[in-house]
């Protein structure tokens, strides 16, 4: 097999060898040193051809660490703070693997406030969430499959009627669902969906959209799953072939009354949009109730939510366990966080860290665990200003040195292979699938992408054509309008330079 062919495949043979080396060092009590080096005051000569023209008005930070030689290769503005965008997900995923382990699993449980007796539950049925981000079809045959499995278990126990309410209990986390430093428009969409201990389908509705049959007709907008939880008012129109697409979705503030508006060209390709819900626990409870009722289980009471442990029958110990669903392992969740850059998964995991390790399912507690873990891993906590888990907030800050150091430390840990394998592969998977094609970087780079307005970032691992292994972080801030693609292309040229050995 060629060097290109073997590098980083399923973690890569080169990475496996490196992990074996650093694992031996860790076992002997030695931690590979990250030697101190000062950041350069001017752009290294090998970068000048990459950062030129309009790009030199942006702010660049570069840190490259030789994992085999245990030395810094390049440091440029490496100790300055940058907005890291989704590169911040490296922190929450590394923290979760370190503190909870790759095999950690989430449980979602059903409880009764009374026993099932002769087909009846003389009390409430409680759906209790513990932060599982995958109550969806991501790791199941269908969107409703997990709820259907839980419902079938109840029917198998003889349940026919619930005399009380269906209680959707989200009290395992706090009820602070979104952050004030997230952009308001983002809150409409899956990538900024509300965070909660009980959620369903990424706390989003899948809207399948296609143009109408003729100009002037309403486009077809169908929500999945169908539910009385939300309403849709379709004000949109079908426009002429080739006309501008102005179609969009919004909601009446604070409600799940959704409005489609704008124009969709007659020749527009069908698409699906993932629209965030308000009140995620009620969303989960409403859909689960529909599943139960479809199986003939009658619920006499209402569907209601519980957000505080003080009023949770589960927290009070006043319930009887009926059945639970256990999630896929945390390693799979990390794959979604880093491989597909799933923001909601990152935030769910962050609050899980807070709850499991500090007894408080909040951003505050989760961020405290992150800082504690960075210190534990030998990463300078002053290299980070942490606000969320996903990097969605533009108030997050990180240094390129801090991110590269975290990456270097990760390969010394038992979970290092899982962590590295979660990163997109150049020219093959995730956001890097169509990048680096036709270059030596294909399959030699595993890295986390990052993008929000005026920010581009890429941090990860690479193997040079001569077999050297680097951890690296490149962050560009202040790209400004009109040069976003140029910034990404410049980052890619820089990485190719490293892979081909034209960097020091």
Protein backbone atom coordinates (compact mmCIF):
# COMPACT_ATOMS: atom_id res chain seq x y z
CA UNK A 1 0.00 0.00 0.00
CA UNK A 2 1.28 3.47 -0.80
CA UNK A 3 2.08 5.90 1.96
CA UNK A 4 -0.89 7.99 0.88
CA UNK A 5 -3.13 4.96 0.98
CA UNK A 6 -2.24 3.93 4.51
CA UNK A 7 -2.12 7.33 6.17
CA UNK A 8 -4.99 7.99 8.60
CA UNK A 9 -7.29 5.28 7.31
CA UNK A 10 -9.50 4.27 10.27
CA UNK A 11 -7.11 6.13 12.51
CA UNK A 12 -4.09 5.22 10.34
CA UNK A 13 -1.27 2.79 10.90
CA UNK A 14 1.06 5.72 11.50
CA UNK A 15 -1.22 7.05 14.20
CA UNK A 16 -1.49 3.58 15.74
CA UNK A 17 2.29 3.37 15.97
CA UNK A 18 2.46 6.83 17.46
CA UNK A 19 -0.23 5.95 20.01
CA UNK A 20 1.74 2.90 21.02
CA UNK A 21 4.82 5.06 21.56
CA UNK A 22 3.10 7.71 23.64
CA UNK A 23 1.10 5.11 25.55
CA UNK A 24 4.41 3.55 26.58
CA UNK A 25 5.65 6.94 27.70
CA UNK A 26 2.49 7.51 29.72
CA UNK A 27 2.75 4.08 31.33
CA UNK A 28 6.29 4.86 32.43
CA UNK A 29 5.15 8.13 33.99
CA UNK A 30 6.68 10.29 31.26
CA UNK A 31 4.55 12.81 29.40
CA UNK A 32 5.85 13.87 25.96
CA UNK A 33 7.14 17.41 26.41
CA UNK A 34 5.75 20.35 24.46
CA UNK A 35 8.88 22.46 24.38
CA UNK A 36 8.50 26.17 24.95
CA UNK A 37 9.00 28.29 21.84
CA UNK A 38 8.23 31.92 21.20
CA UNK A 39 5.78 32.92 18.50
CA UNK A 40 7.40 34.74 15.61
CA UNK A 41 6.79 38.46 15.14
CA UNK A 42 6.49 38.23 11.38
CA UNK A 43 5.01 35.79 8.91
CA UNK A 44 7.35 32.84 8.23
CA UNK A 45 8.77 32.92 4.73
CA UNK A 46 7.10 29.65 3.74
CA UNK A 47 3.70 31.19 4.53
CA UNK A 48 4.17 34.38 2.56
CA UNK A 49 3.07 32.79 -0.71
CA UNK A 50 -0.10 31.53 0.97
CA UNK A 51 -1.17 34.67 2.80
CA UNK A 52 -1.08 37.42 0.23
CA UNK A 53 -3.25 40.06 -1.37
CA UNK A 54 -6.49 40.77 0.45
CA UNK A 55 -5.86 37.89 2.85
CA UNK A 56 -3.08 39.73 4.65
CA UNK A 57 -5.72 42.07 6.09
CA UNK A 58 -7.17 39.18 8.07
CA UNK A 59 -5.70 37.94 11.35
CA UNK A 60 -3.80 34.67 11.05
CA UNK A 61 -2.66 32.26 13.73
CA UNK A 62 -0.68 29.09 13.09
CA UNK A 63 0.70 26.44 15.43
CA UNK A 64 2.35 23.25 14.16
CA UNK A 65 3.80 20.61 16.50
CA UNK A 66 5.97 17.67 15.46
CA UNK A 67 4.55 14.74 17.44
CA UNK A 68 7.52 12.43 16.83
CA UNK A 69 10.26 14.95 17.62
CA UNK A 70 8.19 16.62 20.39
CA UNK A 71 8.93 20.13 19.20
CA UNK A 72 7.14 23.10 17.71
CA UNK A 73 7.65 23.47 13.97
CA UNK A 74 5.89 26.81 13.47
CA UNK A 75 4.31 29.34 15.80
CA UNK A 76 2.83 32.46 14.25
CA UNK A 77 0.51 34.56 16.43
CA UNK A 78 0.08 31.24 18.21
CA UNK A 79 -0.47 32.76 21.65
CA UNK A 80 -3.03 35.33 20.54
CA UNK A 81 -6.71 34.74 21.11
CA UNK A 82 -8.89 33.98 18.10
CA UNK A 83 -12.56 33.13 17.69
CA UNK A 84 -12.24 29.38 16.96
CA UNK A 85 -15.75 28.58 15.65
CA UNK A 86 -16.35 24.80 15.58
CA UNK A 87 -12.71 24.01 16.36
CA UNK A 88 -13.88 24.49 19.95
CA UNK A 89 -15.68 21.13 19.64
CA UNK A 90 -12.26 19.52 20.09
CA UNK A 91 -12.39 20.65 23.72
CA UNK A 92 -15.77 19.18 24.62
CA UNK A 93 -15.11 15.91 22.78
CA UNK A 94 -11.69 15.43 24.38
CA UNK A 95 -13.11 16.32 27.80
CA UNK A 96 -15.99 13.86 27.43
CA UNK A 97 -13.71 11.03 26.33
CA UNK A 98 -11.31 11.75 29.19
CA UNK A 99 -13.91 12.09 31.95
CA UNK A 100 -16.78 9.82 30.83
CA UNK A 101 -14.97 7.39 28.53
CA UNK A 102 -15.83 6.22 25.00
CA UNK A 103 -18.27 3.59 26.32
CA UNK A 104 -20.41 5.98 28.35
CA UNK A 105 -24.08 5.69 27.37
CA UNK A 106 -27.16 7.85 27.97
CA UNK A 107 -30.37 6.39 29.41
CA UNK A 108 -33.92 7.50 28.72
CA UNK A 109 -36.44 5.92 31.08
CA UNK A 110 -40.15 5.45 31.59
CA UNK A 111 -41.53 5.48 35.12
CA UNK A 112 -44.98 5.17 36.60
CA UNK A 113 -46.21 6.87 39.72
CA UNK A 114 -48.04 3.57 40.32
CA UNK A 115 -47.79 -0.04 39.18
CA UNK A 116 -49.47 -1.28 36.02
CA UNK A 117 -52.44 -3.27 37.33
CA UNK A 118 -54.84 -5.14 35.07
CA UNK A 119 -53.77 -3.01 32.08
CA UNK A 120 -54.12 0.31 33.87
CA UNK A 121 -51.63 2.71 35.41
CA UNK A 122 -53.50 4.56 38.18
CA UNK A 123 -51.22 7.59 38.03
CA UNK A 124 -48.83 9.40 35.71
CA UNK A 125 -46.50 7.94 33.08
CA UNK A 126 -43.14 9.77 33.18
CA UNK A 127 -40.75 10.00 30.22
CA UNK A 128 -37.44 10.93 31.86
CA UNK A 129 -34.50 12.21 29.82
CA UNK A 130 -30.81 12.22 30.72
CA UNK A 131 -29.43 14.18 27.80
CA UNK A 132 -29.39 11.55 25.03
CA UNK A 133 -28.74 13.46 21.77
CA UNK A 134 -29.81 10.49 19.64
CA UNK A 135 -33.52 9.99 20.31
CA UNK A 136 -33.93 10.07 16.55
CA UNK A 137 -33.35 7.94 13.48
CA UNK A 138 -29.59 8.60 13.41
CA UNK A 139 -28.71 5.21 14.91
CA UNK A 140 -32.12 3.57 14.51
CA UNK A 141 -34.15 2.29 11.55
CA UNK A 142 -36.49 5.28 11.61
CA UNK A 143 -37.14 8.63 13.27
CA UNK A 144 -39.71 7.11 15.66
CA UNK A 145 -38.07 3.72 16.17
CA UNK A 146 -36.73 4.36 19.68
CA UNK A 147 -40.07 5.68 20.91
CA UNK A 148 -41.80 2.76 19.21
CA UNK A 149 -39.52 0.33 21.03
CA UNK A 150 -40.30 1.93 24.38
CA UNK A 151 -44.03 1.89 23.61
CA UNK A 152 -43.91 -1.75 22.55
CA UNK A 153 -42.23 -2.65 25.85
CA UNK A 154 -45.06 -0.99 27.76
CA UNK A 155 -47.69 -2.79 25.69
CA UNK A 156 -45.85 -6.06 26.30
CA UNK A 157 -46.24 -5.37 30.02
CA UNK A 158 -49.99 -5.10 29.46
CA UNK A 159 -50.43 -1.34 29.55
CA UNK A 160 -53.71 -0.24 27.99
CA UNK A 161 -54.65 2.94 29.85
CA UNK A 162 -52.93 5.72 31.81
CA UNK A 163 -55.35 7.32 34.23
CA UNK A 164 -53.09 10.32 34.85
CA UNK A 165 -50.84 12.53 32.69
CA UNK A 166 -47.95 11.87 30.38
CA UNK A 167 -45.11 13.77 32.05
CA UNK A 168 -42.11 14.83 29.96
CA UNK A 169 -39.39 15.26 32.60
CA UNK A 170 -36.33 17.31 31.58
CA UNK A 171 -35.14 18.10 35.13
CA UNK A 172 -31.83 16.22 34.73
CA UNK A 173 -30.50 19.48 33.17
CA UNK A 174 -31.33 23.06 34.05
CA UNK A 175 -33.95 24.89 31.97
CA UNK A 176 -31.54 27.36 30.33
CA UNK A 177 -32.02 26.13 26.77
CA UNK A 178 -30.25 28.67 24.55
CA UNK A 179 -27.41 31.12 25.05
CA UNK A 180 -27.78 34.88 24.82
CA UNK A 181 -24.60 35.10 22.72
CA UNK A 182 -26.03 32.94 19.92
CA UNK A 183 -27.31 34.86 16.89
CA UNK A 184 -31.11 35.27 16.98
CA UNK A 185 -31.68 33.96 13.43
CA UNK A 186 -29.64 30.84 14.23
CA UNK A 187 -32.14 29.92 16.95
CA UNK A 188 -34.63 28.98 14.23
CA UNK A 189 -32.49 26.12 12.98
CA UNK A 190 -31.18 22.70 14.00
CA UNK A 191 -27.63 23.96 14.57
CA UNK A 192 -28.84 26.19 17.44
CA UNK A 193 -31.72 24.04 18.69
CA UNK A 194 -32.64 24.36 22.37
CA UNK A 195 -30.60 22.22 24.76
CA UNK A 196 -32.44 20.01 27.21
CA UNK A 197 -32.26 16.71 29.04
CA UNK A 198 -35.21 15.36 27.06
CA UNK A 199 -35.19 16.03 23.33
CA UNK A 200 -36.25 14.36 20.12
CA UNK A 201 -34.95 14.41 16.53
CA UNK A 202 -32.23 16.99 17.31
CA UNK A 203 -35.08 19.11 18.74
CA UNK A 204 -36.08 19.93 15.19
CA UNK A 205 -38.89 19.35 12.71
CA UNK A 206 -37.89 18.03 9.29
CA UNK A 207 -39.66 20.15 6.66
CA UNK A 208 -39.68 18.58 3.19
CA UNK A 209 -40.07 21.33 0.60
CA UNK A 210 -40.75 21.32 -3.13
CA UNK A 211 -42.15 23.85 -5.57
CA UNK A 212 -45.81 23.91 -6.55
CA UNK A 213 -47.13 22.44 -9.80
CA UNK A 214 -47.38 25.85 -11.48
CA UNK A 215 -46.19 29.44 -11.09
CA UNK A 216 -48.31 31.23 -8.49
CA UNK A 217 -49.19 28.09 -6.53
CA UNK A 218 -48.09 27.43 -2.98
CA UNK A 219 -44.96 25.30 -2.61
CA UNK A 220 -45.49 21.98 -0.86
CA UNK A 221 -44.15 22.13 2.70
CA UNK A 222 -44.59 18.96 4.75
CA UNK A 223 -43.41 18.54 8.33
CA UNK A 224 -42.07 15.25 9.69
CA UNK A 225 -43.25 13.88 11.99
CA UNK A 226 -46.74 15.26 11.67
CA UNK A 227 -47.89 16.48 15.04
CA UNK A 228 -50.35 18.81 16.73
CA UNK A 229 -47.32 20.19 18.58
CA UNK A 230 -46.74 22.70 15.77
CA UNK A 231 -48.71 24.49 13.08
CA UNK A 232 -47.58 25.70 9.67
CA UNK A 233 -48.96 28.67 7.76
CA UNK A 234 -47.79 28.56 4.16
CA UNK A 235 -47.58 32.08 2.71
CA UNK A 236 -44.91 31.20 0.14
CA UNK A 237 -45.37 31.20 -3.63
CA UNK A 238 -43.92 29.29 -6.56
CA UNK A 239 -41.96 31.61 -8.85
CA UNK A 240 -40.96 31.39 -12.49
CA UNK A 241 -38.25 29.05 -13.72
CA UNK A 242 -34.85 30.52 -12.88
CA UNK A 243 -36.23 33.18 -10.57
CA UNK A 244 -34.58 34.04 -7.26
CA UNK A 245 -35.08 31.80 -4.25
CA UNK A 246 -36.32 33.82 -1.30
CA UNK A 247 -38.16 31.00 0.46
CA UNK A 248 -37.62 30.84 4.21
CA UNK A 249 -39.21 29.71 7.47
CA UNK A 250 -39.81 31.67 10.64
CA UNK A 251 -41.98 31.42 13.73
CA UNK A 252 -44.14 33.64 15.85
CA UNK A 253 -41.77 34.49 18.72
CA UNK A 254 -41.82 32.01 21.57
CA UNK A 255 -44.25 29.64 19.84
CA UNK A 256 -44.28 26.66 17.51
CA UNK A 257 -46.53 28.49 15.04
CA UNK A 258 -44.33 28.37 11.96
CA UNK A 259 -44.67 30.48 8.82
CA UNK A 260 -43.29 29.72 5.35
CA UNK A 261 -42.79 32.79 3.16
CA UNK A 262 -40.96 34.02 0.07
CA UNK A 263 -40.65 32.47 -3.37
CA UNK A 264 -39.43 29.10 -4.61
CA UNK A 265 -38.66 28.76 -8.33
CA UNK A 266 -40.70 26.24 -10.30
CA UNK A 267 -37.50 24.36 -11.19
CA UNK A 268 -36.08 24.30 -7.65
CA UNK A 269 -34.80 20.92 -6.48
CA UNK A 270 -36.66 19.39 -3.52
CA UNK A 271 -34.93 19.93 -0.22
CA UNK A 272 -35.31 19.39 3.51
CA UNK A 273 -34.88 22.07 6.17
CA UNK A 274 -34.49 21.25 9.88
CA UNK A 275 -36.39 23.79 11.95
CA UNK A 276 -35.79 24.07 15.69
CA UNK A 277 -38.68 23.71 18.12
CA UNK A 278 -39.62 25.70 21.19
CA UNK A 279 -40.13 23.61 24.38
CA UNK A 280 -38.17 20.47 23.48
CA UNK A 281 -39.45 18.27 26.33
CA UNK A 282 -43.04 18.85 25.28
CA UNK A 283 -42.00 18.07 21.70
CA UNK A 284 -40.64 14.70 22.83
CA UNK A 285 -43.63 14.04 25.08
CA UNK A 286 -46.19 14.93 22.41
CA UNK A 287 -44.62 12.68 19.79
CA UNK A 288 -44.21 9.81 22.27
CA UNK A 289 -47.87 10.13 23.22
CA UNK A 290 -48.82 9.88 19.54
CA UNK A 291 -46.78 6.66 19.30
CA UNK A 292 -48.50 5.21 22.37
CA UNK A 293 -51.96 6.12 21.13
CA UNK A 294 -51.20 4.54 17.75
CA UNK A 295 -50.67 1.31 19.69
CA UNK A 296 -54.00 1.61 21.45
CA UNK A 297 -52.73 2.98 24.78
CA UNK A 298 -55.20 5.57 26.10
CA UNK A 299 -53.92 8.49 28.18
CA UNK A 300 -56.69 10.23 30.06
CA UNK A 301 -54.70 13.22 31.30
CA UNK A 302 -52.71 15.91 29.53
CA UNK A 303 -49.14 16.04 28.28
CA UNK A 304 -47.10 18.26 30.60
CA UNK A 305 -43.47 19.03 31.24
CA UNK A 306 -41.37 19.05 34.39
CA UNK A 307 -38.23 21.18 34.33
CA UNK A 308 -37.26 21.41 38.01
CA UNK A 309 -35.99 18.57 40.23
CA UNK A 310 -38.10 20.08 43.00
CA UNK A 311 -41.29 18.93 41.30
CA UNK A 312 -39.94 15.84 39.54
CA UNK A 313 -41.49 12.59 40.79
CA UNK A 314 -38.37 10.77 39.58
CA UNK A 315 -36.02 13.01 41.55
CA UNK A 316 -38.26 12.57 44.59
CA UNK A 317 -38.07 8.80 44.29
CA UNK A 318 -41.86 8.49 43.99
CA UNK A 319 -41.86 6.36 40.87
CA UNK A 320 -41.58 2.76 39.69
CA UNK A 321 -39.15 2.02 36.87
CA UNK A 322 -40.87 0.45 33.87
CA UNK A 323 -38.39 0.38 30.97
CA UNK A 324 -35.31 2.22 29.66
CA UNK A 325 -33.56 2.86 26.37
CA UNK A 326 -29.75 2.88 26.38
CA UNK A 327 -28.02 4.98 23.74
CA UNK A 328 -25.12 4.22 21.45
CA UNK A 329 -21.73 4.74 23.14
CA UNK A 330 -20.22 8.18 23.60
CA UNK A 331 -17.63 7.37 20.93
CA UNK A 332 -20.44 7.48 18.36
CA UNK A 333 -21.63 10.81 19.72
CA UNK A 334 -18.12 12.24 19.42
CA UNK A 335 -18.15 11.11 15.79
CA UNK A 336 -21.21 13.32 15.20
CA UNK A 337 -19.66 16.23 17.09
CA UNK A 338 -16.36 16.24 15.20
CA UNK A 339 -17.21 14.38 12.02
CA UNK A 340 -20.43 16.23 11.16
CA UNK A 341 -19.92 19.24 13.44
CA UNK A 342 -23.23 18.69 15.22
CA UNK A 343 -23.66 21.67 17.54
CA UNK A 344 -26.59 20.30 19.52
CA UNK A 345 -24.72 17.11 20.34
CA UNK A 346 -21.80 19.18 21.64
CA UNK A 347 -24.05 21.20 23.96
CA UNK A 348 -25.88 18.09 25.18
CA UNK A 349 -22.56 16.48 26.05
CA UNK A 350 -21.32 19.64 27.77
CA UNK A 351 -24.32 19.74 30.10
CA UNK A 352 -24.00 16.00 30.68
CA UNK A 353 -20.44 16.59 31.87
CA UNK A 354 -21.72 19.19 34.31
CA UNK A 355 -24.44 16.94 35.65
CA UNK A 356 -22.34 13.78 35.93
CA UNK A 357 -19.25 15.37 37.45
CA UNK A 358 -20.60 18.41 39.31
CA UNK A 359 -24.22 17.47 39.91
CA UNK A 360 -25.50 20.36 37.80
CA UNK A 361 -26.59 20.01 34.18
CA UNK A 362 -25.70 23.55 33.15
CA UNK A 363 -23.33 25.39 30.86
CA UNK A 364 -21.56 26.79 33.93
CA UNK A 365 -20.86 23.37 35.40
CA UNK A 366 -19.92 21.82 32.06
CA UNK A 367 -17.47 24.60 31.25
CA UNK A 368 -15.91 24.21 34.69
CA UNK A 369 -15.33 20.52 33.94
CA UNK A 370 -13.74 21.47 30.61
CA UNK A 371 -11.31 23.88 32.30
CA UNK A 372 -10.46 21.33 34.97
CA UNK A 373 -9.83 18.68 32.31
CA UNK A 374 -7.66 20.93 30.14
CA UNK A 375 -5.46 21.49 33.19
CA UNK A 376 -5.43 17.76 33.90
CA UNK A 377 -4.29 17.08 30.32
CA UNK A 378 -1.47 19.60 30.61
CA UNK A 379 -3.09 22.28 28.43
CA UNK A 380 -2.83 25.90 29.58
CA UNK A 381 -6.36 27.00 30.50
CA UNK A 382 -5.36 30.60 29.76
CA UNK A 383 -5.33 29.57 26.08
CA UNK A 384 -9.14 29.35 26.18
CA UNK A 385 -12.11 31.57 26.99
CA UNK A 386 -15.00 29.11 26.94
CA UNK A 387 -18.65 30.09 26.51
CA UNK A 388 -20.32 27.03 24.98
CA UNK A 389 -19.47 23.56 23.74
CA UNK A 390 -20.04 23.92 20.01
CA UNK A 391 -18.19 27.14 19.16
CA UNK A 392 -21.39 28.75 17.89
CA UNK A 393 -20.88 31.83 20.08
CA UNK A 394 -18.51 34.42 18.67
CA UNK A 395 -17.52 35.19 22.28
CA UNK A 396 -15.49 31.96 22.53
CA UNK A 397 -11.73 32.46 22.28
CA UNK A 398 -8.81 30.09 21.82
CA UNK A 399 -5.17 30.26 20.81
CA UNK A 400 -3.74 28.11 18.01
CA UNK A 401 -1.10 26.88 20.46
CA UNK A 402 -3.79 25.81 22.91
CA UNK A 403 -5.67 23.78 20.30
CA UNK A 404 -2.51 22.18 18.91
CA UNK A 405 -1.38 21.33 22.46
CA UNK A 406 -4.74 19.68 23.16
CA UNK A 407 -4.38 17.63 19.99
CA UNK A 408 -0.85 16.59 20.97
CA UNK A 409 -1.98 15.61 24.48
CA UNK A 410 -4.95 13.65 23.13
CA UNK A 411 -2.73 11.08 21.40
CA UNK A 412 -1.16 10.24 24.76
CA UNK A 413 -4.50 9.14 26.19
CA UNK A 414 -6.15 5.70 25.91
CA UNK A 415 -9.01 7.28 23.96
CA UNK A 416 -6.68 9.04 21.52
CA UNK A 417 -7.49 6.68 18.66
CA UNK A 418 -11.25 7.23 19.06
CA UNK A 419 -10.68 10.98 19.15
CA UNK A 420 -8.50 11.03 16.01
CA UNK A 421 -10.86 8.69 14.15
CA UNK A 422 -13.76 11.09 14.77
CA UNK A 423 -12.13 13.81 12.66
CA UNK A 424 -13.01 14.25 8.96
CA UNK A 425 -10.51 12.79 6.48
CA UNK A 426 -9.15 14.96 3.67
CA UNK A 427 -10.75 14.09 0.35
CA UNK A 428 -12.86 11.35 1.90
CA UNK A 429 -15.32 12.19 4.69
CA UNK A 430 -17.40 14.93 6.26
CA UNK A 431 -16.67 18.59 5.54
CA UNK A 432 -13.27 17.62 4.07
CA UNK A 433 -14.74 15.19 1.54
CA UNK A 434 -14.40 17.59 -1.37
CA UNK A 435 -11.30 19.40 -0.14
CA UNK A 436 -7.71 18.53 -1.03
CA UNK A 437 -8.72 16.41 -4.03
CA UNK A 438 -5.80 15.94 -6.39
CA UNK A 439 -3.20 16.80 -3.74
CA UNK A 440 -0.85 14.83 -1.51
CA UNK A 441 -3.06 15.77 1.45
CA UNK A 442 -5.78 13.25 0.53
CA UNK A 443 -6.07 10.72 3.39
CA UNK A 444 -3.03 12.28 5.08
CA UNK A 445 -5.04 14.86 7.02
CA UNK A 446 -7.65 14.39 9.75
CA UNK A 447 -8.95 17.73 10.97
CA UNK A 448 -11.87 19.62 12.47
CA UNK A 449 -13.25 22.43 10.35
CA UNK A 450 -14.65 25.67 11.77
CA UNK A 451 -16.70 28.44 10.26
CA UNK A 452 -18.87 31.30 11.47
CA UNK A 453 -19.08 34.79 10.04
CA UNK A 454 -15.55 36.21 9.50
CA UNK A 455 -13.94 33.07 10.93
CA UNK A 456 -12.28 30.08 9.25
CA UNK A 457 -10.34 27.44 11.17
CA UNK A 458 -8.83 23.99 10.74
CA UNK A 459 -7.16 21.97 13.49
CA UNK A 460 -6.09 18.35 13.54
CA UNK A 461 -3.40 15.90 12.54
CA UNK A 462 -1.42 15.35 9.35
CA UNK A 463 1.20 12.98 8.01
CA UNK A 464 3.86 14.43 5.70
CA UNK A 465 5.03 12.61 2.57
CA UNK A 466 8.17 11.67 4.52
CA UNK A 467 6.17 10.17 7.39
CA UNK A 468 6.39 12.93 10.00
CA UNK A 469 3.30 13.34 12.19
CA UNK A 470 2.10 16.85 13.07
CA UNK A 471 -0.64 18.29 15.25
CA UNK A 472 -1.67 21.66 13.87
CA UNK A 473 -4.09 24.53 14.23
CA UNK A 474 -4.74 27.31 11.72
CA UNK A 475 -7.27 30.03 12.55
CA UNK A 476 -8.19 33.06 10.46
CA UNK A 477 -10.32 35.87 11.88
CA UNK A 478 -11.55 39.05 10.25
CA UNK A 479 -11.89 37.58 6.78
CA UNK A 480 -14.54 40.13 5.84
CA UNK A 481 -17.11 39.88 3.11
CA UNK A 482 -16.09 38.53 -0.26
CA UNK A 483 -12.95 36.61 0.65
CA UNK A 484 -14.40 33.68 2.59
CA UNK A 485 -13.58 31.15 -0.13
CA UNK A 486 -10.11 32.64 -0.53
CA UNK A 487 -9.47 32.16 3.19
CA UNK A 488 -10.45 28.50 3.06
CA UNK A 489 -8.33 27.94 -0.04
CA UNK A 490 -5.37 29.62 1.66
CA UNK A 491 -5.71 27.34 4.70
CA UNK A 492 -5.76 24.35 2.39
CA UNK A 493 -2.65 25.52 0.53
CA UNK A 494 -0.89 25.95 3.85
CA UNK A 495 -1.77 22.40 4.90
CA UNK A 496 -0.63 21.00 1.56
CA UNK A 497 2.70 22.83 2.04
CA UNK A 498 3.06 21.06 5.38
CA UNK A 499 2.14 17.66 3.95
CA UNK A 500 4.57 18.00 1.07
CA UNK A 501 7.40 18.96 3.42
CA UNK A 502 7.95 22.47 2.10
CA UNK A 503 7.48 23.84 5.63
CA UNK A 504 10.31 23.59 8.20
